[in-house]
């Protein structure tokens, strides 16, 4: 959602369907319907509505990079000397095959780059031959990811089983 879009209203059933799809995007409409106690047609309509509204933006396979020889995940904070070069720097970084994502952020860094590399030797190659060669690079800091907790719904999204809660955790409605 960009700043010009308004959020889509979702009820507890929609949120439950989202939670189930986040857990397993291959879950059939029939399985979703059984889990939420509705007909497959009604659940299919809800999923289609959330797709049209942009709540569900796609489905994808999760690949284990370690099984492909890219066991090391690294975050690289990048500070640029010339902020007018952000677009150019992002474009260069996104062309690197080891780059998973490039995020424009606030704070100490201008960019946070997520890499997948084979090992520390490969990381050194990517840093020295590519990232450290950015024309607008001020400095960078590399952080090896030791463990990642992924695949769960954000804390701000109410648990569908608990109903809606306010910012203080008190049930609403």
C-alpha atoms as a PDB file:
ATOM      1  CA  UNK A   1       0.000   0.000   0.000  1.00  0.00           C
ATOM      2  CA  UNK A   2       1.350   3.387  -0.858  1.00  0.00           C
ATOM      3  CA  UNK A   3       0.495   6.581   1.002  1.00  0.00           C
ATOM      4  CA  UNK A   4      -2.411   7.363  -1.345  1.00  0.00           C
ATOM      5  CA  UNK A   5      -4.243   4.076  -0.776  1.00  0.00           C
ATOM      6  CA  UNK A   6      -6.563   3.523   2.131  1.00  0.00           C
ATOM      7  CA  UNK A   7      -6.492   0.226   4.008  1.00  0.00           C
ATOM      8  CA  UNK A   8      -8.999  -2.485   3.167  1.00  0.00           C
ATOM      9  CA  UNK A   9     -11.439  -3.452   5.889  1.00  0.00           C
ATOM     10  CA  UNK A  10     -11.082  -7.108   6.825  1.00  0.00           C
ATOM     11  CA  UNK A  11     -13.234  -9.076   9.228  1.00  0.00           C
ATOM     12  CA  UNK A  12     -12.061 -11.935  11.434  1.00  0.00           C
ATOM     13  CA  UNK A  13     -12.815 -14.512   8.717  1.00  0.00           C
ATOM     14  CA  UNK A  14     -10.712 -12.631   6.145  1.00  0.00           C
ATOM     15  CA  UNK A  15      -7.876 -12.418   8.672  1.00  0.00           C
ATOM     16  CA  UNK A  16      -8.155 -16.135   9.412  1.00  0.00           C
ATOM     17  CA  UNK A  17      -7.998 -16.919   5.682  1.00  0.00           C
ATOM     18  CA  UNK A  18      -4.901 -14.699   5.365  1.00  0.00           C
ATOM     19  CA  UNK A  19      -3.261 -16.454   8.303  1.00  0.00           C
ATOM     20  CA  UNK A  20      -3.939 -19.847   6.729  1.00  0.00           C
ATOM     21  CA  UNK A  21      -2.570 -18.707   3.351  1.00  0.00           C
ATOM     22  CA  UNK A  22       0.523 -17.224   4.997  1.00  0.00           C
ATOM     23  CA  UNK A  23       1.094 -20.582   6.665  1.00  0.00           C
ATOM     24  CA  UNK A  24       0.561 -22.504   3.386  1.00  0.00           C
ATOM     25  CA  UNK A  25      -0.128 -20.575   0.174  1.00  0.00           C
ATOM     26  CA  UNK A  26      -0.917 -23.850  -1.615  1.00  0.00           C
ATOM     27  CA  UNK A  27      -3.888 -24.567   0.651  1.00  0.00           C
ATOM     28  CA  UNK A  28      -6.953 -25.214  -1.512  1.00  0.00           C
ATOM     29  CA  UNK A  29     -10.111 -23.150  -1.265  1.00  0.00           C
ATOM     30  CA  UNK A  30     -11.867 -26.302  -0.068  1.00  0.00           C
ATOM     31  CA  UNK A  31      -9.317 -26.709   2.785  1.00  0.00           C
ATOM     32  CA  UNK A  32      -9.619 -23.009   3.666  1.00  0.00           C
ATOM     33  CA  UNK A  33     -13.407 -23.356   3.733  1.00  0.00           C
ATOM     34  CA  UNK A  34     -13.222 -26.337   6.113  1.00  0.00           C
ATOM     35  CA  UNK A  35     -10.864 -24.408   8.403  1.00  0.00           C
ATOM     36  CA  UNK A  36     -13.110 -21.331   8.652  1.00  0.00           C
ATOM     37  CA  UNK A  37     -16.453 -23.176   8.571  1.00  0.00           C
ATOM     38  CA  UNK A  38     -17.782 -21.686   5.338  1.00  0.00           C
ATOM     39  CA  UNK A  39     -18.639 -22.955   1.864  1.00  0.00           C
ATOM     40  CA  UNK A  40     -15.826 -23.148  -0.709  1.00  0.00           C
ATOM     41  CA  UNK A  41     -17.711 -20.672  -2.924  1.00  0.00           C
ATOM     42  CA  UNK A  42     -17.929 -18.067  -0.162  1.00  0.00           C
ATOM     43  CA  UNK A  43     -14.250 -18.486   0.728  1.00  0.00           C
ATOM     44  CA  UNK A  44     -13.275 -18.308  -2.963  1.00  0.00           C
ATOM     45  CA  UNK A  45     -15.166 -15.011  -3.264  1.00  0.00           C
ATOM     46  CA  UNK A  46     -13.378 -13.632  -0.196  1.00  0.00           C
ATOM     47  CA  UNK A  47      -9.961 -14.626  -1.557  1.00  0.00           C
ATOM     48  CA  UNK A  48     -10.782 -13.082  -4.970  1.00  0.00           C
ATOM     49  CA  UNK A  49     -11.984  -9.861  -3.262  1.00  0.00           C
ATOM     50  CA  UNK A  50      -8.733  -9.640  -1.273  1.00  0.00           C
ATOM     51  CA  UNK A  51      -6.732 -10.224  -4.471  1.00  0.00           C
ATOM     52  CA  UNK A  52      -8.651  -7.486  -6.347  1.00  0.00           C
ATOM     53  CA  UNK A  53      -8.222  -5.091  -3.410  1.00  0.00           C
ATOM     54  CA  UNK A  54      -4.458  -5.683  -3.375  1.00  0.00           C
ATOM     55  CA  UNK A  55      -4.419  -7.312   0.067  1.00  0.00           C
ATOM     56  CA  UNK A  56      -3.138 -10.548  -1.489  1.00  0.00           C
ATOM     57  CA  UNK A  57      -0.532  -9.567  -4.049  1.00  0.00           C
ATOM     58  CA  UNK A  58       0.678 -12.983  -5.140  1.00  0.00           C
ATOM     59  CA  UNK A  59       1.673 -16.514  -4.278  1.00  0.00           C
ATOM     60  CA  UNK A  60       5.176 -17.877  -4.462  1.00  0.00           C
ATOM     61  CA  UNK A  61       7.325 -20.861  -3.688  1.00  0.00           C
ATOM     62  CA  UNK A  62       9.714 -20.521  -0.775  1.00  0.00           C
ATOM     63  CA  UNK A  63      13.105 -21.819  -1.791  1.00  0.00           C
ATOM     64  CA  UNK A  64      15.769 -22.894   0.678  1.00  0.00           C
ATOM     65  CA  UNK A  65      18.887 -21.045  -0.584  1.00  0.00           C
ATOM     66  CA  UNK A  66      21.129 -23.303   1.509  1.00  0.00           C
ATOM     67  CA  UNK A  67      20.055 -26.279  -0.585  1.00  0.00           C
ATOM     68  CA  UNK A  68      21.275 -24.381  -3.660  1.00  0.00           C
ATOM     69  CA  UNK A  69      24.679 -23.638  -2.150  1.00  0.00           C
ATOM     70  CA  UNK A  70      23.907 -20.144  -0.781  1.00  0.00           C
ATOM     71  CA  UNK A  71      23.982 -20.863   2.937  1.00  0.00           C
ATOM     72  CA  UNK A  72      25.115 -17.452   4.195  1.00  0.00           C
ATOM     73  CA  UNK A  73      22.605 -14.614   4.522  1.00  0.00           C
ATOM     74  CA  UNK A  74      24.087 -11.162   5.053  1.00  0.00           C
ATOM     75  CA  UNK A  75      22.588  -7.729   5.604  1.00  0.00           C
ATOM     76  CA  UNK A  76      24.708  -4.842   4.394  1.00  0.00           C
ATOM     77  CA  UNK A  77      23.946  -1.344   5.652  1.00  0.00           C
ATOM     78  CA  UNK A  78      25.029   1.174   3.014  1.00  0.00           C
ATOM     79  CA  UNK A  79      25.550   4.904   3.613  1.00  0.00           C
ATOM     80  CA  UNK A  80      25.804   6.992   0.456  1.00  0.00           C
ATOM     81  CA  UNK A  81      27.784  10.214   0.102  1.00  0.00           C
ATOM     82  CA  UNK A  82      25.471  11.678  -2.534  1.00  0.00           C
ATOM     83  CA  UNK A  83      21.793  11.082  -1.969  1.00  0.00           C
ATOM     84  CA  UNK A  84      20.979  12.054  -5.519  1.00  0.00           C
ATOM     85  CA  UNK A  85      22.681   8.758  -6.461  1.00  0.00           C
ATOM     86  CA  UNK A  86      20.178   6.572  -4.585  1.00  0.00           C
ATOM     87  CA  UNK A  87      18.277   5.491  -7.705  1.00  0.00           C
ATOM     88  CA  UNK A  88      21.511   4.686  -9.555  1.00  0.00           C
ATOM     89  CA  UNK A  89      22.946   2.783  -6.578  1.00  0.00           C
ATOM     90  CA  UNK A  90      19.760   0.754  -6.108  1.00  0.00           C
ATOM     91  CA  UNK A  91      19.724  -0.076  -9.820  1.00  0.00           C
ATOM     92  CA  UNK A  92      23.336  -1.312  -9.726  1.00  0.00           C
ATOM     93  CA  UNK A  93      22.734  -3.378  -6.582  1.00  0.00           C
ATOM     94  CA  UNK A  94      19.580  -5.036  -7.934  1.00  0.00           C
ATOM     95  CA  UNK A  95      21.573  -6.357 -10.890  1.00  0.00           C
ATOM     96  CA  UNK A  96      23.855  -8.416  -8.638  1.00  0.00           C
ATOM     97  CA  UNK A  97      22.797 -12.067  -8.605  1.00  0.00           C
ATOM     98  CA  UNK A  98      23.570 -12.381  -4.877  1.00  0.00           C
ATOM     99  CA  UNK A  99      21.185  -9.543  -3.949  1.00  0.00           C
ATOM    100  CA  UNK A 100      17.853 -10.725  -2.566  1.00  0.00           C
ATOM    101  CA  UNK A 101      16.475  -7.245  -1.799  1.00  0.00           C
ATOM    102  CA  UNK A 102      17.445  -3.611  -1.536  1.00  0.00           C
ATOM    103  CA  UNK A 103      15.534  -1.477   0.956  1.00  0.00           C
ATOM    104  CA  UNK A 104      15.583   2.326   1.106  1.00  0.00           C
ATOM    105  CA  UNK A 105      15.515   3.118   4.827  1.00  0.00           C
ATOM    106  CA  UNK A 106      15.757   5.956   7.311  1.00  0.00           C
ATOM    107  CA  UNK A 107      18.312   6.192  10.078  1.00  0.00           C
ATOM    108  CA  UNK A 108      21.994   5.390  10.072  1.00  0.00           C
ATOM    109  CA  UNK A 109      21.916   3.720   6.645  1.00  0.00           C
ATOM    110  CA  UNK A 110      20.444   4.855   3.353  1.00  0.00           C
ATOM    111  CA  UNK A 111      20.062   1.313   2.049  1.00  0.00           C
ATOM    112  CA  UNK A 112      19.899  -2.142   3.567  1.00  0.00           C
ATOM    113  CA  UNK A 113      20.937  -4.847   1.130  1.00  0.00           C
ATOM    114  CA  UNK A 114      20.084  -8.501   1.773  1.00  0.00           C
ATOM    115  CA  UNK A 115      22.573 -10.903   0.185  1.00  0.00           C
ATOM    116  CA  UNK A 116      22.767 -14.666  -0.204  1.00  0.00           C
ATOM    117  CA  UNK A 117      26.314 -15.951  -0.678  1.00  0.00           C
ATOM    118  CA  UNK A 118      28.044 -19.328  -0.524  1.00  0.00           C
ATOM    119  CA  UNK A 119      30.477 -18.516   2.276  1.00  0.00           C
ATOM    120  CA  UNK A 120      32.688 -15.771   3.720  1.00  0.00           C
ATOM    121  CA  UNK A 121      35.043 -15.941   0.716  1.00  0.00           C
ATOM    122  CA  UNK A 122      32.123 -15.327  -1.660  1.00  0.00           C
ATOM    123  CA  UNK A 123      30.940 -12.489   0.597  1.00  0.00           C
ATOM    124  CA  UNK A 124      34.369 -10.866   0.361  1.00  0.00           C
ATOM    125  CA  UNK A 125      34.195 -11.113  -3.448  1.00  0.00           C
ATOM    126  CA  UNK A 126      30.749  -9.467  -3.590  1.00  0.00           C
ATOM    127  CA  UNK A 127      31.762  -6.697  -1.200  1.00  0.00           C
ATOM    128  CA  UNK A 128      35.102  -5.865  -2.802  1.00  0.00           C
ATOM    129  CA  UNK A 129      34.145  -6.271  -6.456  1.00  0.00           C
ATOM    130  CA  UNK A 130      30.645  -4.789  -6.364  1.00  0.00           C
ATOM    131  CA  UNK A 131      29.275  -3.080  -3.274  1.00  0.00           C
ATOM    132  CA  UNK A 132      32.471  -1.270  -2.313  1.00  0.00           C
ATOM    133  CA  UNK A 133      32.770  -0.081  -5.931  1.00  0.00           C
ATOM    134  CA  UNK A 134      29.528   1.949  -5.848  1.00  0.00           C
ATOM    135  CA  UNK A 135      30.466   5.500  -6.908  1.00  0.00           C
ATOM    136  CA  UNK A 136      28.402   7.103  -4.121  1.00  0.00           C
ATOM    137  CA  UNK A 137      29.423   4.685  -1.340  1.00  0.00           C
ATOM    138  CA  UNK A 138      30.306   6.459   1.906  1.00  0.00           C
ATOM    139  CA  UNK A 139      30.690   3.374   4.065  1.00  0.00           C
ATOM    140  CA  UNK A 140      29.018   0.057   4.747  1.00  0.00           C
ATOM    141  CA  UNK A 141      28.595  -2.480   7.500  1.00  0.00           C
ATOM    142  CA  UNK A 142      28.002  -6.183   6.946  1.00  0.00           C
ATOM    143  CA  UNK A 143      25.926  -8.220   9.370  1.00  0.00           C
ATOM    144  CA  UNK A 144      25.746 -12.006   9.087  1.00  0.00           C
ATOM    145  CA  UNK A 145      22.278 -13.360   9.849  1.00  0.00           C
ATOM    146  CA  UNK A 146      22.631 -16.103  12.459  1.00  0.00           C
ATOM    147  CA  UNK A 147      18.967 -17.050  12.592  1.00  0.00           C
ATOM    148  CA  UNK A 148      15.823 -15.821  10.890  1.00  0.00           C
ATOM    149  CA  UNK A 149      12.276 -15.897  12.226  1.00  0.00           C
ATOM    150  CA  UNK A 150      10.155 -15.694   9.112  1.00  0.00           C
ATOM    151  CA  UNK A 151       6.761 -16.766   7.925  1.00  0.00           C
ATOM    152  CA  UNK A 152       4.499 -15.469  10.660  1.00  0.00           C
ATOM    153  CA  UNK A 153       1.967 -12.693  10.659  1.00  0.00           C
ATOM    154  CA  UNK A 154       3.049  -9.316  12.004  1.00  0.00           C
ATOM    155  CA  UNK A 155       2.224  -8.590  15.638  1.00  0.00           C
ATOM    156  CA  UNK A 156       0.013  -5.651  14.610  1.00  0.00           C
ATOM    157  CA  UNK A 157      -2.334  -7.984  12.752  1.00  0.00           C
ATOM    158  CA  UNK A 158      -4.882  -9.269  15.282  1.00  0.00           C
ATOM    159  CA  UNK A 159      -4.962 -13.010  15.805  1.00  0.00           C
ATOM    160  CA  UNK A 160      -8.082 -14.214  13.991  1.00  0.00           C
ATOM    161  CA  UNK A 161      -8.831 -16.582  16.861  1.00  0.00           C
ATOM    162  CA  UNK A 162      -8.774 -13.775  19.446  1.00  0.00           C
ATOM    163  CA  UNK A 163     -10.826 -11.163  17.599  1.00  0.00           C
ATOM    164  CA  UNK A 164      -9.963  -7.498  17.187  1.00  0.00           C
ATOM    165  CA  UNK A 165      -7.920  -5.748  19.856  1.00  0.00           C
ATOM    166  CA  UNK A 166      -6.958  -2.132  20.304  1.00  0.00           C
ATOM    167  CA  UNK A 167      -3.368  -0.887  20.475  1.00  0.00           C
ATOM    168  CA  UNK A 168      -3.394  -1.615  24.204  1.00  0.00           C
ATOM    169  CA  UNK A 169      -4.453  -5.267  23.723  1.00  0.00           C
ATOM    170  CA  UNK A 170      -7.997  -4.698  24.984  1.00  0.00           C
ATOM    171  CA  UNK A 171     -10.732  -6.328  22.854  1.00  0.00           C
ATOM    172  CA  UNK A 172     -12.592  -3.889  20.583  1.00  0.00           C
ATOM    173  CA  UNK A 173     -16.278  -4.067  19.707  1.00  0.00           C
END
